[in-house]
Amino acid sequence: MRPNTAFERMRRYAASFSAGRRRGAPLNLNVRRLLRPWLSWIAVVPAAVAGWWLVVVVAITLHGLVFSFCAPEDVVSGACVAPWFSRFESALLYFAVALSATLVVLVPTIMAPAHRRLIAWVAYLVGAIVALSIGGLSMELAIAVASGFIAAVLASSVYARKVA
């Protein structure tokens, strides 16, 4: 019987490789399978750093955008001294710290080809150590540790082993 759909033809074509009737690799559009597992493991740490840098770029861009709304009479020596601007800077800093801690945990967890629960907790611990070495004891450290912990707990629950 001839396959009647393109999907069925592709499924049978891919099955012929696993049965040993063809040599080489089947056509596969799944990106995870195209990337070898070792390449995914190599990409875990740069992915965490890229997540952190993404937040830095977004925060700097947001800061510059909101700075443009500062009135010319409120700009003194290149700094906005409007009363609302200091509150915005604090809120932006706390938001960026929380988002960067979350991404530093979640991005490598998603990138890892296996052991994702372990990767989430390792990324959290490494991120907490780096945050402690950068900032010392401060409100930013508390926010980073708390948001990273929440991200690690969520990642652990998402990638929990299913008990049948």
C-alpha atoms as a PDB file:
ATOM      1  CA  MET A   1       0.000   0.000   0.000  1.00  0.00           C
ATOM      2  CA  ARG A   2       1.370   3.397  -0.986  1.00  0.00           C
ATOM      3  CA  PRO A   3       1.466   6.174   1.591  1.00  0.00           C
ATOM      4  CA  ASN A   4      -1.156   8.785   0.814  1.00  0.00           C
ATOM      5  CA  THR A   5       0.241  11.814   2.671  1.00  0.00           C
ATOM      6  CA  ALA A   6       3.573  13.577   2.758  1.00  0.00           C
ATOM      7  CA  PHE A   7       3.748  13.036   6.513  1.00  0.00           C
ATOM      8  CA  GLU A   8       3.294   9.285   6.121  1.00  0.00           C
ATOM      9  CA  ARG A   9       5.983   9.132   3.427  1.00  0.00           C
ATOM     10  CA  MET A  10       8.402  11.061   5.653  1.00  0.00           C
ATOM     11  CA  ARG A  11       7.620   8.820   8.637  1.00  0.00           C
ATOM     12  CA  ARG A  12       8.281   5.671   6.626  1.00  0.00           C
ATOM     13  CA  TYR A  13      11.449   7.193   5.174  1.00  0.00           C
ATOM     14  CA  ALA A  14      12.770   7.964   8.660  1.00  0.00           C
ATOM     15  CA  ALA A  15      11.742   4.499   9.891  1.00  0.00           C
ATOM     16  CA  SER A  16      13.758   2.885   7.111  1.00  0.00           C
ATOM     17  CA  PHE A  17      16.946   4.321   8.665  1.00  0.00           C
ATOM     18  CA  SER A  18      16.236   2.862  12.082  1.00  0.00           C
ATOM     19  CA  ALA A  19      15.471  -0.496  10.480  1.00  0.00           C
ATOM     20  CA  GLY A  20      18.894  -0.479   8.815  1.00  0.00           C
ATOM     21  CA  ARG A  21      17.654  -0.443   5.240  1.00  0.00           C
ATOM     22  CA  ARG A  22      19.295   2.906   4.447  1.00  0.00           C
ATOM     23  CA  ARG A  23      22.643   4.447   5.319  1.00  0.00           C
ATOM     24  CA  GLY A  24      23.234   7.964   6.571  1.00  0.00           C
ATOM     25  CA  ALA A  25      20.901  10.105   8.597  1.00  0.00           C
ATOM     26  CA  PRO A  26      17.191  10.643   7.973  1.00  0.00           C
ATOM     27  CA  LEU A  27      15.707  14.014   7.220  1.00  0.00           C
ATOM     28  CA  ASN A  28      14.873  15.435  10.605  1.00  0.00           C
ATOM     29  CA  LEU A  29      13.634  18.934  11.290  1.00  0.00           C
ATOM     30  CA  ASN A  30      13.948  18.637  15.072  1.00  0.00           C
ATOM     31  CA  VAL A  31      16.685  21.075  16.111  1.00  0.00           C
ATOM     32  CA  ARG A  32      17.575  19.171  19.283  1.00  0.00           C
ATOM     33  CA  ARG A  33      18.323  16.078  17.266  1.00  0.00           C
ATOM     34  CA  LEU A  34      20.325  18.045  14.731  1.00  0.00           C
ATOM     35  CA  LEU A  35      22.542  19.387  17.496  1.00  0.00           C
ATOM     36  CA  ARG A  36      24.620  16.672  19.020  1.00  0.00           C
ATOM     37  CA  PRO A  37      24.227  16.324  22.782  1.00  0.00           C
ATOM     38  CA  TRP A  38      27.808  17.410  23.415  1.00  0.00           C
ATOM     39  CA  LEU A  39      27.185  20.599  21.446  1.00  0.00           C
ATOM     40  CA  SER A  40      24.138  21.301  23.599  1.00  0.00           C
ATOM     41  CA  TRP A  41      26.209  20.726  26.740  1.00  0.00           C
ATOM     42  CA  ILE A  42      28.861  23.143  25.482  1.00  0.00           C
ATOM     43  CA  ALA A  43      26.156  25.762  24.858  1.00  0.00           C
ATOM     44  CA  VAL A  44      24.749  25.607  28.420  1.00  0.00           C
ATOM     45  CA  VAL A  45      27.177  28.063  30.054  1.00  0.00           C
ATOM     46  CA  PRO A  46      27.264  30.582  27.165  1.00  0.00           C
ATOM     47  CA  ALA A  47      23.457  30.485  27.132  1.00  0.00           C
ATOM     48  CA  ALA A  48      23.363  31.547  30.788  1.00  0.00           C
ATOM     49  CA  VAL A  49      25.798  34.381  30.102  1.00  0.00           C
ATOM     50  CA  ALA A  50      23.785  35.404  27.030  1.00  0.00           C
ATOM     51  CA  GLY A  51      20.618  35.540  29.147  1.00  0.00           C
ATOM     52  CA  TRP A  52      22.378  37.824  31.616  1.00  0.00           C
ATOM     53  CA  TRP A  53      23.678  40.101  28.846  1.00  0.00           C
ATOM     54  CA  LEU A  54      20.233  40.257  27.266  1.00  0.00           C
ATOM     55  CA  VAL A  55      18.869  41.715  30.499  1.00  0.00           C
ATOM     56  CA  VAL A  56      21.758  44.200  30.691  1.00  0.00           C
ATOM     57  CA  VAL A  57      21.061  45.452  27.160  1.00  0.00           C
ATOM     58  CA  VAL A  58      17.298  45.685  27.787  1.00  0.00           C
ATOM     59  CA  ALA A  59      17.817  47.567  31.079  1.00  0.00           C
ATOM     60  CA  ILE A  60      20.261  50.056  29.539  1.00  0.00           C
ATOM     61  CA  THR A  61      17.915  50.628  26.616  1.00  0.00           C
ATOM     62  CA  LEU A  62      14.939  51.162  28.931  1.00  0.00           C
ATOM     63  CA  HIS A  63      16.957  53.553  31.086  1.00  0.00           C
ATOM     64  CA  GLY A  64      17.960  55.617  28.055  1.00  0.00           C
ATOM     65  CA  LEU A  65      14.416  55.649  26.738  1.00  0.00           C
ATOM     66  CA  VAL A  66      12.928  56.896  29.999  1.00  0.00           C
ATOM     67  CA  PHE A  67      15.798  59.370  30.462  1.00  0.00           C
ATOM     68  CA  SER A  68      14.675  61.035  27.245  1.00  0.00           C
ATOM     69  CA  PHE A  69      11.402  61.972  29.020  1.00  0.00           C
ATOM     70  CA  CYS A  70      13.302  63.956  31.647  1.00  0.00           C
ATOM     71  CA  ALA A  71      12.696  67.679  31.252  1.00  0.00           C
ATOM     72  CA  PRO A  72      15.751  69.768  30.219  1.00  0.00           C
ATOM     73  CA  GLU A  73      15.578  71.814  33.439  1.00  0.00           C
ATOM     74  CA  ASP A  74      15.775  68.544  35.458  1.00  0.00           C
ATOM     75  CA  VAL A  75      19.039  67.460  33.798  1.00  0.00           C
ATOM     76  CA  VAL A  76      22.064  68.527  35.841  1.00  0.00           C
ATOM     77  CA  SER A  77      25.538  67.501  34.628  1.00  0.00           C
ATOM     78  CA  GLY A  78      24.044  64.759  32.475  1.00  0.00           C
ATOM     79  CA  ALA A  79      21.924  63.257  35.264  1.00  0.00           C
ATOM     80  CA  CYS A  80      18.162  63.534  35.648  1.00  0.00           C
ATOM     81  CA  VAL A  81      17.310  64.917  39.072  1.00  0.00           C
ATOM     82  CA  ALA A  82      13.536  64.735  38.692  1.00  0.00           C
ATOM     83  CA  PRO A  83      11.929  63.190  41.783  1.00  0.00           C
ATOM     84  CA  TRP A  84      10.225  60.427  39.791  1.00  0.00           C
ATOM     85  CA  PHE A  85      13.425  59.368  38.039  1.00  0.00           C
ATOM     86  CA  SER A  86      15.215  58.006  41.122  1.00  0.00           C
ATOM     87  CA  ARG A  87      12.204  55.786  41.873  1.00  0.00           C
ATOM     88  CA  PHE A  88      12.208  54.579  38.272  1.00  0.00           C
ATOM     89  CA  GLU A  89      15.932  53.766  38.474  1.00  0.00           C
ATOM     90  CA  SER A  90      15.423  51.743  41.654  1.00  0.00           C
ATOM     91  CA  ALA A  91      12.477  49.852  40.175  1.00  0.00           C
ATOM     92  CA  LEU A  92      14.392  49.181  36.953  1.00  0.00           C
ATOM     93  CA  LEU A  93      17.409  47.930  38.897  1.00  0.00           C
ATOM     94  CA  TYR A  94      15.308  45.529  40.983  1.00  0.00           C
ATOM     95  CA  PHE A  95      13.413  44.320  37.906  1.00  0.00           C
ATOM     96  CA  ALA A  96      16.654  43.752  35.959  1.00  0.00           C
ATOM     97  CA  VAL A  97      18.238  41.870  38.870  1.00  0.00           C
ATOM     98  CA  ALA A  98      15.195  39.609  39.233  1.00  0.00           C
ATOM     99  CA  LEU A  99      14.927  38.982  35.491  1.00  0.00           C
ATOM    100  CA  SER A 100      18.646  38.261  35.099  1.00  0.00           C
ATOM    101  CA  ALA A 101      18.627  35.799  37.999  1.00  0.00           C
ATOM    102  CA  THR A 102      15.594  34.083  36.505  1.00  0.00           C
ATOM    103  CA  LEU A 103      17.164  33.838  33.056  1.00  0.00           C
ATOM    104  CA  VAL A 104      20.493  32.631  34.438  1.00  0.00           C
ATOM    105  CA  VAL A 105      18.609  29.671  35.915  1.00  0.00           C
ATOM    106  CA  LEU A 106      16.036  28.982  33.183  1.00  0.00           C
ATOM    107  CA  VAL A 107      18.077  29.427  29.992  1.00  0.00           C
ATOM    108  CA  PRO A 108      20.727  26.776  30.761  1.00  0.00           C
ATOM    109  CA  THR A 109      17.994  24.496  32.095  1.00  0.00           C
ATOM    110  CA  ILE A 110      16.150  24.696  28.797  1.00  0.00           C
ATOM    111  CA  MET A 111      19.390  24.349  26.792  1.00  0.00           C
ATOM    112  CA  ALA A 112      20.609  21.235  28.610  1.00  0.00           C
ATOM    113  CA  PRO A 113      19.939  17.979  26.757  1.00  0.00           C
ATOM    114  CA  ALA A 114      19.484  15.994  30.008  1.00  0.00           C
ATOM    115  CA  HIS A 115      19.522  16.301  33.812  1.00  0.00           C
ATOM    116  CA  ARG A 116      17.556  19.536  33.684  1.00  0.00           C
ATOM    117  CA  ARG A 117      16.550  19.527  37.351  1.00  0.00           C
ATOM    118  CA  LEU A 118      20.196  19.246  38.375  1.00  0.00           C
ATOM    119  CA  ILE A 119      21.215  21.963  35.901  1.00  0.00           C
ATOM    120  CA  ALA A 120      18.583  24.314  37.348  1.00  0.00           C
ATOM    121  CA  TRP A 121      19.981  23.936  40.870  1.00  0.00           C
ATOM    122  CA  VAL A 122      23.615  24.139  39.761  1.00  0.00           C
ATOM    123  CA  ALA A 123      22.850  27.311  37.780  1.00  0.00           C
ATOM    124  CA  TYR A 124      21.087  28.732  40.837  1.00  0.00           C
ATOM    125  CA  LEU A 125      24.030  27.992  43.139  1.00  0.00           C
ATOM    126  CA  VAL A 126      26.611  29.368  40.708  1.00  0.00           C
ATOM    127  CA  GLY A 127      24.458  32.455  40.107  1.00  0.00           C
ATOM    128  CA  ALA A 128      24.044  33.041  43.849  1.00  0.00           C
ATOM    129  CA  ILE A 129      27.800  32.770  44.383  1.00  0.00           C
ATOM    130  CA  VAL A 130      28.496  35.186  41.530  1.00  0.00           C
ATOM    131  CA  ALA A 131      25.853  37.626  42.832  1.00  0.00           C
ATOM    132  CA  LEU A 132      27.374  37.473  46.309  1.00  0.00           C
ATOM    133  CA  SER A 133      30.860  38.128  44.951  1.00  0.00           C
ATOM    134  CA  ILE A 134      29.667  41.039  42.796  1.00  0.00           C
ATOM    135  CA  GLY A 135      27.283  42.846  45.113  1.00  0.00           C
ATOM    136  CA  GLY A 136      27.920  41.808  48.663  1.00  0.00           C
ATOM    137  CA  LEU A 137      25.003  41.834  51.094  1.00  0.00           C
ATOM    138  CA  SER A 138      22.351  44.151  49.703  1.00  0.00           C
ATOM    139  CA  MET A 139      18.732  44.306  48.601  1.00  0.00           C
ATOM    140  CA  GLU A 140      19.813  43.430  45.051  1.00  0.00           C
ATOM    141  CA  LEU A 141      21.448  40.225  46.315  1.00  0.00           C
ATOM    142  CA  ALA A 142      18.301  39.272  48.209  1.00  0.00           C
ATOM    143  CA  ILE A 143      16.182  39.844  45.100  1.00  0.00           C
ATOM    144  CA  ALA A 144      18.591  37.862  42.922  1.00  0.00           C
ATOM    145  CA  VAL A 145      18.721  34.941  45.339  1.00  0.00           C
ATOM    146  CA  ALA A 146      14.943  34.897  45.819  1.00  0.00           C
ATOM    147  CA  SER A 147      14.067  35.099  42.115  1.00  0.00           C
ATOM    148  CA  GLY A 148      16.721  32.542  41.203  1.00  0.00           C
ATOM    149  CA  PHE A 149      15.361  30.201  43.867  1.00  0.00           C
ATOM    150  CA  ILE A 150      11.820  30.601  42.547  1.00  0.00           C
ATOM    151  CA  ALA A 151      13.045  29.897  39.006  1.00  0.00           C
ATOM    152  CA  ALA A 152      14.910  26.777  40.169  1.00  0.00           C
ATOM    153  CA  VAL A 153      11.854  25.492  42.031  1.00  0.00           C
ATOM    154  CA  LEU A 154       9.649  26.100  38.985  1.00  0.00           C
ATOM    155  CA  ALA A 155      12.151  24.411  36.665  1.00  0.00           C
ATOM    156  CA  SER A 156      12.394  21.457  39.042  1.00  0.00           C
ATOM    157  CA  SER A 157       8.632  21.071  39.121  1.00  0.00           C
ATOM    158  CA  VAL A 158       8.343  21.321  35.336  1.00  0.00           C
ATOM    159  CA  TYR A 159      11.080  18.759  34.746  1.00  0.00           C
ATOM    160  CA  ALA A 160      10.085  16.459  37.619  1.00  0.00           C
ATOM    161  CA  ARG A 161      10.208  12.779  36.836  1.00  0.00           C
ATOM    162  CA  LYS A 162       6.833  11.365  36.002  1.00  0.00           C
ATOM    163  CA  VAL A 163       5.861   8.434  38.210  1.00  0.00           C
ATOM    164  CA  ALA A 164       3.523   6.094  36.382  1.00  0.00           C
END
